[in-house]
Each structure stands twice: as structure tokens, then as C-alpha cells.
Amino acid sequence: MKTEFSTEGAPPPSGPYSQGIEANGFYFTAGQTPHDPVTDACVGETIQEQTEQTFRNLSAVLAARGLDLSHVVKATVHLKHPERDFDGFNDVYQRLVPAPYPVRTTVGSVLGDFLVEIDVVAVLADSPG
């Protein structure tokens, strides 16, 4: 069984997918980008600015289920320019994501008008373990 969650605090899906899905004790988010939830404009020009907005959007999707970044156990990060932007991204990530840090995969990807996209898996606060 799975349950969909959505919020106006993050950009609406641009296709046939959910912002967040709860299933089997975990919460899965769709990839979030640095777009403003209301205007859909890309927020920021630097990797640091865009990473901060992406985390605001992720936090809103997590909050729709009563979770926050401390519940995240896995993150997948897509960087448009990994060789250039990894350090700047990582500085923001390390500041915003609490330890113990989730496992993480960071890859270079073809992205649109933005530099970063992140999706996460969180353990539900009311799940054992």
C-alpha cells in the first residue's frame, strides 16, 4: 500500500508523478529542483543559492508527511557541472543535513535551466528501527 503526499510549499509535479509517496515504512520524494513553488522561476545563479532553494523544496515535501531532514537515510544528487560545483554543493549540504549523514550518490546529469536536483528517501518517524 502506498499513500501520496503533496504540498504547495514545493513546485507542483511537471508530469505524472507525486511529490512524495509513503510505502512500507519509508517516504520517497520526487526530485526537487531550485524552482520557486509559486512562480516556477529558478531561484539563484550559484550552486550554493540553488542548493539552498532545492533543500527548501525538499523540506516542504518532507514536512507534508511530518518529517524533516533528520529522517533522511538516502539522498541522490544530480549536478549539472559536478567537476565545478561539487565543493560548493557539498558545503551547503553539510550545513543543512544533520549528522549522521544519509548515504548519498552524487552524479553528473543533463539538467534544464538549473544546476542541481535532489531526491531523498526518509524513514518514517513512527516506524520501528
C-alpha atoms as a PDB file:
ATOM      1  CA  MET A   1       0.000   0.000   0.000  1.00  0.00           C
ATOM      2  CA  LYS A   2       1.210   3.488  -0.764  1.00  0.00           C
ATOM      3  CA  THR A   3      -0.028   6.939   0.175  1.00  0.00           C
ATOM      4  CA  GLU A   4       0.594  10.120  -1.796  1.00  0.00           C
ATOM      5  CA  PHE A   5       1.516  13.431  -0.149  1.00  0.00           C
ATOM      6  CA  SER A   6       1.700  16.863  -1.726  1.00  0.00           C
ATOM      7  CA  THR A   7       2.282  20.431  -0.682  1.00  0.00           C
ATOM      8  CA  GLU A   8       2.013  23.894  -2.169  1.00  0.00           C
ATOM      9  CA  GLY A   9       5.361  24.619  -0.461  1.00  0.00           C
ATOM     10  CA  ALA A  10       7.225  22.926  -3.324  1.00  0.00           C
ATOM     11  CA  PRO A  11       6.800  23.185  -7.087  1.00  0.00           C
ATOM     12  CA  PRO A  12       3.952  21.049  -8.413  1.00  0.00           C
ATOM     13  CA  PRO A  13       4.893  18.000 -10.465  1.00  0.00           C
ATOM     14  CA  SER A  14       5.545  18.799 -14.116  1.00  0.00           C
ATOM     15  CA  GLY A  15       4.454  15.324 -15.180  1.00  0.00           C
ATOM     16  CA  PRO A  16       2.653  12.208 -13.991  1.00  0.00           C
ATOM     17  CA  TYR A  17       4.423  11.735 -10.651  1.00  0.00           C
ATOM     18  CA  SER A  18       3.855  12.500  -6.973  1.00  0.00           C
ATOM     19  CA  GLN A  19       5.821  14.900  -4.797  1.00  0.00           C
ATOM     20  CA  GLY A  20       6.031  12.279  -2.057  1.00  0.00           C
ATOM     21  CA  ILE A  21       4.950   8.671  -1.531  1.00  0.00           C
ATOM     22  CA  GLU A  22       4.796   6.711   1.725  1.00  0.00           C
ATOM     23  CA  ALA A  23       5.297   2.956   1.418  1.00  0.00           C
ATOM     24  CA  ASN A  24       6.463   0.188   3.776  1.00  0.00           C
ATOM     25  CA  GLY A  25       7.857   2.460   6.489  1.00  0.00           C
ATOM     26  CA  PHE A  26       9.655   4.805   4.101  1.00  0.00           C
ATOM     27  CA  TYR A  27       8.880   8.128   2.449  1.00  0.00           C
ATOM     28  CA  PHE A  28      10.181   8.747  -1.059  1.00  0.00           C
ATOM     29  CA  THR A  29      10.378  12.200  -2.625  1.00  0.00           C
ATOM     30  CA  ALA A  30      10.414  13.136  -6.257  1.00  0.00           C
ATOM     31  CA  GLY A  31      13.488  15.004  -7.418  1.00  0.00           C
ATOM     32  CA  GLN A  32      13.333  18.594  -6.241  1.00  0.00           C
ATOM     33  CA  THR A  33      14.954  21.486  -8.069  1.00  0.00           C
ATOM     34  CA  PRO A  34      15.681  25.120  -7.186  1.00  0.00           C
ATOM     35  CA  HIS A  35      12.419  26.398  -8.625  1.00  0.00           C
ATOM     36  CA  ASP A  36      10.098  28.726  -6.738  1.00  0.00           C
ATOM     37  CA  PRO A  37       6.886  26.896  -5.768  1.00  0.00           C
ATOM     38  CA  VAL A  38       4.680  29.805  -6.881  1.00  0.00           C
ATOM     39  CA  THR A  39       6.387  31.334  -9.927  1.00  0.00           C
ATOM     40  CA  ASP A  40       8.329  28.252 -11.100  1.00  0.00           C
ATOM     41  CA  ALA A  41      11.308  30.560 -11.717  1.00  0.00           C
ATOM     42  CA  CYS A  42      14.740  29.149 -10.969  1.00  0.00           C
ATOM     43  CA  VAL A  43      15.995  30.679  -7.705  1.00  0.00           C
ATOM     44  CA  GLY A  44      19.656  31.710  -7.609  1.00  0.00           C
ATOM     45  CA  GLU A  45      22.530  31.616 -10.029  1.00  0.00           C
ATOM     46  CA  THR A  46      25.219  29.900  -7.972  1.00  0.00           C
ATOM     47  CA  ILE A  47      25.258  26.273  -6.896  1.00  0.00           C
ATOM     48  CA  GLN A  48      25.039  27.425  -3.278  1.00  0.00           C
ATOM     49  CA  GLU A  49      21.900  29.516  -3.864  1.00  0.00           C
ATOM     50  CA  GLN A  50      20.261  26.815  -5.950  1.00  0.00           C
ATOM     51  CA  THR A  51      21.111  24.101  -3.419  1.00  0.00           C
ATOM     52  CA  GLU A  52      19.517  26.134  -0.629  1.00  0.00           C
ATOM     53  CA  GLN A  53      16.273  26.539  -2.618  1.00  0.00           C
ATOM     54  CA  THR A  54      16.290  22.855  -3.528  1.00  0.00           C
ATOM     55  CA  PHE A  55      16.532  21.987   0.168  1.00  0.00           C
ATOM     56  CA  ARG A  56      13.662  24.373   0.979  1.00  0.00           C
ATOM     57  CA  ASN A  57      11.553  22.467  -1.553  1.00  0.00           C
ATOM     58  CA  LEU A  58      12.682  19.075  -0.211  1.00  0.00           C
ATOM     59  CA  SER A  59      11.943  20.191   3.333  1.00  0.00           C
ATOM     60  CA  ALA A  60       8.413  21.209   2.306  1.00  0.00           C
ATOM     61  CA  VAL A  61       7.761  17.794   0.732  1.00  0.00           C
ATOM     62  CA  LEU A  62       9.117  16.061   3.835  1.00  0.00           C
ATOM     63  CA  ALA A  63       7.012  18.300   6.097  1.00  0.00           C
ATOM     64  CA  ALA A  64       3.871  17.243   4.196  1.00  0.00           C
ATOM     65  CA  ARG A  65       4.345  13.892   5.986  1.00  0.00           C
ATOM     66  CA  GLY A  66       5.551  15.409   9.282  1.00  0.00           C
ATOM     67  CA  LEU A  67       9.220  14.696   8.576  1.00  0.00           C
ATOM     68  CA  ASP A  68      12.378  16.760   8.258  1.00  0.00           C
ATOM     69  CA  LEU A  69      15.933  16.301   7.007  1.00  0.00           C
ATOM     70  CA  SER A  70      16.889  14.340  10.139  1.00  0.00           C
ATOM     71  CA  HIS A  71      14.685  11.479   8.879  1.00  0.00           C
ATOM     72  CA  VAL A  72      16.537  11.161   5.559  1.00  0.00           C
ATOM     73  CA  VAL A  73      18.503   7.927   5.119  1.00  0.00           C
ATOM     74  CA  LYS A  74      19.366   8.138   1.379  1.00  0.00           C
ATOM     75  CA  ALA A  75      19.955  11.060  -0.979  1.00  0.00           C
ATOM     76  CA  THR A  76      20.501  11.059  -4.719  1.00  0.00           C
ATOM     77  CA  VAL A  77      22.044  14.254  -6.059  1.00  0.00           C
ATOM     78  CA  HIS A  78      22.260  15.328  -9.686  1.00  0.00           C
ATOM     79  CA  LEU A  79      24.712  18.107 -10.537  1.00  0.00           C
ATOM     80  CA  LYS A  80      24.832  19.751 -13.956  1.00  0.00           C
ATOM     81  CA  HIS A  81      28.536  20.568 -13.555  1.00  0.00           C
ATOM     82  CA  PRO A  82      29.884  18.141 -10.929  1.00  0.00           C
ATOM     83  CA  GLU A  83      33.551  18.971 -11.500  1.00  0.00           C
ATOM     84  CA  ARG A  84      32.870  22.688 -10.979  1.00  0.00           C
ATOM     85  CA  ASP A  85      30.066  22.639  -8.406  1.00  0.00           C
ATOM     86  CA  PHE A  86      30.705  19.669  -6.104  1.00  0.00           C
ATOM     87  CA  ASP A  87      32.542  21.599  -3.387  1.00  0.00           C
ATOM     88  CA  GLY A  88      30.010  24.460  -3.293  1.00  0.00           C
ATOM     89  CA  PHE A  89      27.123  21.997  -3.204  1.00  0.00           C
ATOM     90  CA  ASN A  90      28.794  19.928  -0.503  1.00  0.00           C
ATOM     91  CA  ASP A  91      29.359  22.985   1.720  1.00  0.00           C
ATOM     92  CA  VAL A  92      25.619  23.747   1.748  1.00  0.00           C
ATOM     93  CA  TYR A  93      24.669  20.064   2.085  1.00  0.00           C
ATOM     94  CA  GLN A  94      26.937  19.613   5.104  1.00  0.00           C
ATOM     95  CA  ARG A  95      25.457  22.725   6.753  1.00  0.00           C
ATOM     96  CA  LEU A  96      21.795  21.779   6.188  1.00  0.00           C
ATOM     97  CA  VAL A  97      21.735  17.991   6.577  1.00  0.00           C
ATOM     98  CA  PRO A  98      22.214  16.778  10.149  1.00  0.00           C
ATOM     99  CA  ALA A  99      24.622  14.004  11.092  1.00  0.00           C
ATOM    100  CA  PRO A 100      24.692  11.112  10.936  1.00  0.00           C
ATOM    101  CA  TYR A 101      24.653  11.914   7.241  1.00  0.00           C
ATOM    102  CA  PRO A 102      22.455   9.850   4.948  1.00  0.00           C
ATOM    103  CA  VAL A 103      24.082   7.585   2.398  1.00  0.00           C
ATOM    104  CA  ARG A 104      24.418   9.549  -0.823  1.00  0.00           C
ATOM    105  CA  THR A 105      25.026   9.145  -4.514  1.00  0.00           C
ATOM    106  CA  THR A 106      26.130  12.209  -6.480  1.00  0.00           C
ATOM    107  CA  VAL A 107      26.155  12.078 -10.263  1.00  0.00           C
ATOM    108  CA  GLY A 108      26.555  14.398 -13.212  1.00  0.00           C
ATOM    109  CA  SER A 109      23.320  14.808 -15.162  1.00  0.00           C
ATOM    110  CA  VAL A 110      21.839  16.734 -18.030  1.00  0.00           C
ATOM    111  CA  LEU A 111      19.560  19.263 -16.337  1.00  0.00           C
ATOM    112  CA  GLY A 112      17.455  22.114 -17.699  1.00  0.00           C
ATOM    113  CA  ASP A 113      17.930  25.725 -16.597  1.00  0.00           C
ATOM    114  CA  PHE A 114      19.158  24.651 -13.163  1.00  0.00           C
ATOM    115  CA  LEU A 115      22.307  23.224 -11.571  1.00  0.00           C
ATOM    116  CA  VAL A 116      21.033  20.700  -9.005  1.00  0.00           C
ATOM    117  CA  GLU A 117      18.255  18.187  -8.401  1.00  0.00           C
ATOM    118  CA  ILE A 118      17.886  16.056  -5.275  1.00  0.00           C
ATOM    119  CA  ASP A 119      15.562  13.261  -4.233  1.00  0.00           C
ATOM    120  CA  VAL A 120      15.588  11.527  -0.864  1.00  0.00           C
ATOM    121  CA  VAL A 121      14.308   8.510   0.993  1.00  0.00           C
ATOM    122  CA  ALA A 122      13.311   9.067   4.634  1.00  0.00           C
ATOM    123  CA  VAL A 123      12.419   6.600   7.338  1.00  0.00           C
ATOM    124  CA  LEU A 124       9.039   7.323   8.880  1.00  0.00           C
ATOM    125  CA  ALA A 125       9.245   8.697  12.405  1.00  0.00           C
ATOM    126  CA  ASP A 126       6.655   6.177  13.601  1.00  0.00           C
ATOM    127  CA  SER A 127       8.425   3.149  12.066  1.00  0.00           C
ATOM    128  CA  PRO A 128      10.407   0.737  14.234  1.00  0.00           C
ATOM    129  CA  GLY A 129      14.163   0.644  13.811  1.00  0.00           C
END
